[in-house]
N, C-alpha and C. Protein backbone atom coordinates (compact mmCIF):
# COMPACT_ATOMS: atom_id res chain seq x y z
N MET A 1 16.54 187.61 5.78
CA MET A 1 15.29 187.05 5.36
C MET A 1 15.57 186.85 3.77
N ALA A 2 15.25 185.68 2.86
CA ALA A 2 15.39 185.75 1.54
C ALA A 2 14.01 186.17 0.96
N ASP A 3 13.88 186.49 -0.26
CA ASP A 3 12.76 186.73 -1.04
C ASP A 3 11.86 185.80 -1.12
N ILE A 4 12.41 184.52 -1.45
CA ILE A 4 11.65 183.24 -1.62
C ILE A 4 11.49 182.51 -0.38
N THR A 5 10.19 182.29 -0.18
CA THR A 5 9.74 181.49 0.98
C THR A 5 9.25 180.06 0.35
N PHE A 6 9.80 179.09 0.69
CA PHE A 6 9.33 177.60 0.29
C PHE A 6 8.60 176.74 1.07
N TYR A 7 7.50 176.44 1.04
CA TYR A 7 6.74 175.60 1.97
C TYR A 7 6.68 174.20 1.33
N GLU A 8 7.24 173.25 2.14
CA GLU A 8 7.53 171.82 2.07
C GLU A 8 7.02 170.94 3.36
N LEU A 9 7.05 169.74 2.71
CA LEU A 9 6.64 168.68 3.65
C LEU A 9 8.00 167.65 3.30
N PRO A 10 8.79 167.38 4.53
CA PRO A 10 9.99 166.59 4.30
C PRO A 10 9.32 165.14 3.82
N GLY A 11 9.99 164.71 2.86
CA GLY A 11 9.78 163.34 2.14
C GLY A 11 8.81 163.57 0.88
N CYS A 12 8.36 164.55 0.74
CA CYS A 12 7.57 164.88 -0.32
C CYS A 12 8.29 164.72 -1.73
N PRO A 13 8.05 164.05 -2.74
CA PRO A 13 8.77 164.15 -3.86
C PRO A 13 8.62 165.29 -4.79
N TYR A 14 7.09 165.92 -4.57
CA TYR A 14 7.09 167.14 -5.60
C TYR A 14 7.90 168.42 -4.84
N CYS A 15 7.95 168.26 -3.55
CA CYS A 15 8.81 169.15 -2.75
C CYS A 15 10.16 169.22 -3.01
N ALA A 16 10.44 167.75 -3.12
CA ALA A 16 12.17 167.53 -3.30
C ALA A 16 12.49 168.07 -4.82
N LYS A 17 11.25 167.84 -5.88
CA LYS A 17 11.87 168.62 -7.21
C LYS A 17 11.98 170.18 -7.05
N VAL A 18 11.18 170.86 -6.48
CA VAL A 18 11.33 172.28 -6.19
C VAL A 18 12.45 172.53 -5.57
N ARG A 19 12.97 172.02 -4.48
CA ARG A 19 14.01 172.25 -3.73
C ARG A 19 15.34 172.11 -4.67
N THR A 20 15.17 170.81 -5.48
CA THR A 20 16.54 170.76 -6.17
C THR A 20 16.65 171.87 -7.36
N LYS A 21 15.68 172.32 -7.78
CA LYS A 21 15.67 173.61 -8.65
C LYS A 21 16.06 174.78 -7.99
N LEU A 22 15.80 175.01 -6.89
CA LEU A 22 16.26 176.12 -6.08
C LEU A 22 17.61 176.04 -5.82
N GLU A 23 18.07 174.99 -5.21
CA GLU A 23 19.57 174.73 -5.17
C GLU A 23 20.26 174.91 -6.42
N GLU A 24 19.67 174.06 -7.24
CA GLU A 24 20.43 174.13 -8.85
C GLU A 24 20.79 175.60 -9.33
N LEU A 25 19.73 176.58 -8.88
CA LEU A 25 19.97 177.80 -9.64
C LEU A 25 20.70 178.86 -8.35
N ASP A 26 20.84 178.16 -7.42
CA ASP A 26 21.89 178.76 -6.29
C ASP A 26 20.88 179.98 -5.85
N LEU A 27 19.69 179.69 -5.52
CA LEU A 27 18.89 180.97 -4.85
C LEU A 27 18.83 180.86 -3.29
N ASP A 28 18.75 181.90 -2.74
CA ASP A 28 18.69 181.97 -1.41
C ASP A 28 17.19 181.90 -1.16
N PHE A 29 16.78 181.27 -0.06
CA PHE A 29 15.27 180.93 0.15
C PHE A 29 15.37 180.50 1.77
N ASP A 30 14.27 180.67 2.16
CA ASP A 30 13.72 180.42 3.47
C ASP A 30 12.62 179.22 3.49
N VAL A 31 12.64 178.41 4.19
CA VAL A 31 12.09 177.19 4.27
C VAL A 31 11.12 177.29 5.44
N VAL A 32 9.72 176.81 5.16
CA VAL A 32 8.72 176.47 5.98
C VAL A 32 8.17 175.05 5.95
N GLU A 33 8.64 174.41 7.14
CA GLU A 33 8.04 172.98 7.07
C GLU A 33 6.58 172.75 7.44
N VAL A 34 5.60 172.34 6.76
CA VAL A 34 4.26 172.43 6.90
C VAL A 34 3.92 170.88 7.78
N PRO A 35 2.86 171.04 8.63
CA PRO A 35 2.56 169.95 9.23
C PRO A 35 2.35 168.66 8.42
N SER A 36 2.24 167.66 8.66
CA SER A 36 1.77 166.33 8.02
C SER A 36 0.15 166.25 7.66
N ALA A 37 -0.55 166.78 8.77
CA ALA A 37 -1.99 166.76 8.68
C ALA A 37 -2.50 168.09 7.71
N HIS A 38 -3.07 167.77 6.93
CA HIS A 38 -3.72 169.09 5.94
C HIS A 38 -4.42 169.92 6.97
N SER A 39 -5.22 169.44 7.78
CA SER A 39 -6.19 170.38 8.70
C SER A 39 -5.22 171.32 9.58
N GLU A 40 -3.76 170.92 9.70
CA GLU A 40 -3.07 171.74 10.49
C GLU A 40 -2.25 172.70 9.46
N ARG A 41 -2.45 172.77 8.27
CA ARG A 41 -1.58 173.48 7.23
C ARG A 41 -2.20 175.22 7.09
N THR A 42 -2.56 175.60 8.24
CA THR A 42 -3.17 176.99 8.26
C THR A 42 -2.51 178.05 7.56
N GLU A 43 -1.31 178.09 7.88
CA GLU A 43 -0.30 179.04 7.14
C GLU A 43 -0.31 178.92 5.68
N VAL A 44 0.11 177.89 5.21
CA VAL A 44 0.23 177.58 3.47
C VAL A 44 -1.26 177.67 3.03
N GLU A 45 -2.46 177.57 3.73
CA GLU A 45 -3.72 177.82 3.09
C GLU A 45 -3.99 179.08 3.21
N ALA A 46 -3.68 179.73 3.96
CA ALA A 46 -3.72 181.43 3.91
C ALA A 46 -3.04 182.00 3.01
N ILE A 47 -2.00 181.29 2.44
CA ILE A 47 -1.02 182.20 1.40
C ILE A 47 -1.54 181.60 0.28
N SER A 48 -1.76 180.26 0.02
CA SER A 48 -2.01 179.81 -1.15
C SER A 48 -3.70 179.51 -1.73
N GLY A 49 -4.38 179.35 -0.46
CA GLY A 49 -5.88 179.07 -0.85
C GLY A 49 -6.16 177.43 -0.66
N GLN A 50 -5.14 176.65 -0.66
CA GLN A 50 -5.19 175.19 -0.58
C GLN A 50 -4.06 174.76 0.51
N THR A 51 -4.16 173.46 1.05
CA THR A 51 -3.38 172.92 2.12
C THR A 51 -2.11 171.90 1.26
N GLY A 52 -2.12 171.83 -0.06
CA GLY A 52 -1.40 170.94 -0.58
C GLY A 52 0.04 171.86 -0.69
N VAL A 53 1.14 171.10 -0.77
CA VAL A 53 2.69 171.40 -0.99
C VAL A 53 3.26 170.75 -2.15
N PRO A 54 4.26 171.25 -2.78
CA PRO A 54 5.02 172.64 -2.38
C PRO A 54 4.16 173.82 -2.93
N VAL A 55 4.51 174.89 -2.20
CA VAL A 55 4.09 176.37 -2.29
C VAL A 55 5.33 177.42 -2.35
N ILE A 56 5.48 178.17 -3.29
CA ILE A 56 6.53 179.44 -3.00
C ILE A 56 5.94 180.53 -2.86
N THR A 57 6.30 181.62 -2.23
CA THR A 57 6.22 183.20 -2.35
C THR A 57 7.56 183.73 -2.83
N ASP A 58 7.52 184.69 -3.40
CA ASP A 58 8.52 185.37 -4.22
C ASP A 58 8.28 186.82 -4.26
N GLU A 59 8.69 187.37 -3.05
CA GLU A 59 8.53 188.83 -2.70
C GLU A 59 9.03 189.94 -3.84
N ALA A 60 10.21 189.19 -4.20
CA ALA A 60 10.80 190.35 -5.05
C ALA A 60 10.09 190.46 -6.60
N ASN A 61 9.26 189.48 -6.95
CA ASN A 61 8.57 189.41 -8.17
C ASN A 61 6.87 189.50 -7.95
N ASP A 62 6.71 189.70 -6.59
CA ASP A 62 5.10 189.83 -6.42
C ASP A 62 4.42 188.78 -6.58
N VAL A 63 4.85 187.34 -6.16
CA VAL A 63 4.35 186.12 -6.27
C VAL A 63 4.03 185.80 -4.72
N HIS A 64 2.82 185.41 -4.82
CA HIS A 64 2.09 184.98 -3.47
C HIS A 64 1.34 183.47 -3.58
N GLY A 65 1.94 182.66 -3.02
CA GLY A 65 1.51 181.34 -2.96
C GLY A 65 1.29 180.79 -4.19
N MET A 66 2.28 180.42 -4.93
CA MET A 66 2.30 179.52 -6.18
C MET A 66 2.28 178.23 -5.68
N PRO A 67 1.42 177.41 -6.25
CA PRO A 67 1.34 176.04 -5.98
C PRO A 67 2.01 175.14 -7.02
N GLU A 68 1.85 173.85 -7.04
CA GLU A 68 2.34 172.86 -8.13
C GLU A 68 3.54 172.98 -8.69
N SER A 69 4.18 171.97 -8.29
CA SER A 69 5.78 171.56 -8.55
C SER A 69 6.25 172.12 -10.13
N SER A 70 5.48 171.52 -10.81
CA SER A 70 5.80 172.02 -12.50
C SER A 70 5.63 173.13 -12.71
N ASP A 71 4.72 174.05 -12.09
CA ASP A 71 4.62 175.29 -12.37
C ASP A 71 5.47 176.25 -11.62
N ILE A 72 6.07 175.86 -10.43
CA ILE A 72 7.10 176.52 -9.56
C ILE A 72 8.50 176.24 -10.18
N VAL A 73 8.65 175.01 -10.93
CA VAL A 73 9.96 175.01 -11.61
C VAL A 73 10.05 175.77 -12.84
N ALA A 74 9.12 175.77 -13.44
CA ALA A 74 8.96 176.39 -14.78
C ALA A 74 9.09 177.93 -14.49
N TYR A 75 8.54 178.48 -13.52
CA TYR A 75 8.64 179.78 -13.11
C TYR A 75 10.24 180.45 -12.60
N LEU A 76 10.65 179.44 -11.84
CA LEU A 76 12.12 179.57 -11.33
C LEU A 76 13.05 179.60 -12.44
N GLU A 77 12.72 178.67 -13.39
CA GLU A 77 13.58 178.54 -14.83
C GLU A 77 13.59 179.51 -15.36
N GLU A 78 12.40 180.45 -15.57
CA GLU A 78 12.15 181.35 -16.43
C GLU A 78 12.48 182.78 -15.67
N THR A 79 12.56 182.78 -14.60
CA THR A 79 12.82 184.03 -13.67
C THR A 79 14.22 184.16 -13.50
N TYR A 80 14.76 183.25 -13.01
CA TYR A 80 16.24 182.99 -12.38
C TYR A 80 17.19 182.44 -13.26
N ALA A 81 16.93 181.57 -14.25
CA ALA A 81 18.02 180.65 -14.75
C ALA A 81 18.75 181.97 -15.93
């Protein structure tokens, strides 16, 4: 199990932006595909307090439920680049 867990919805351009950065940095990460219906996204809501994706957690750095693709990409670059 990887330290980073990435919550995404296939086809989401914001999720694709984060996935590209994770792959660019050659990071190990687990993926959780969330349901398309916001009302069914209970797991991501419990972690981040909202139902939007992308969201990441990073156990190695005590990051729990970070939303917003731009914030995630900046965090990944600052922490792992």
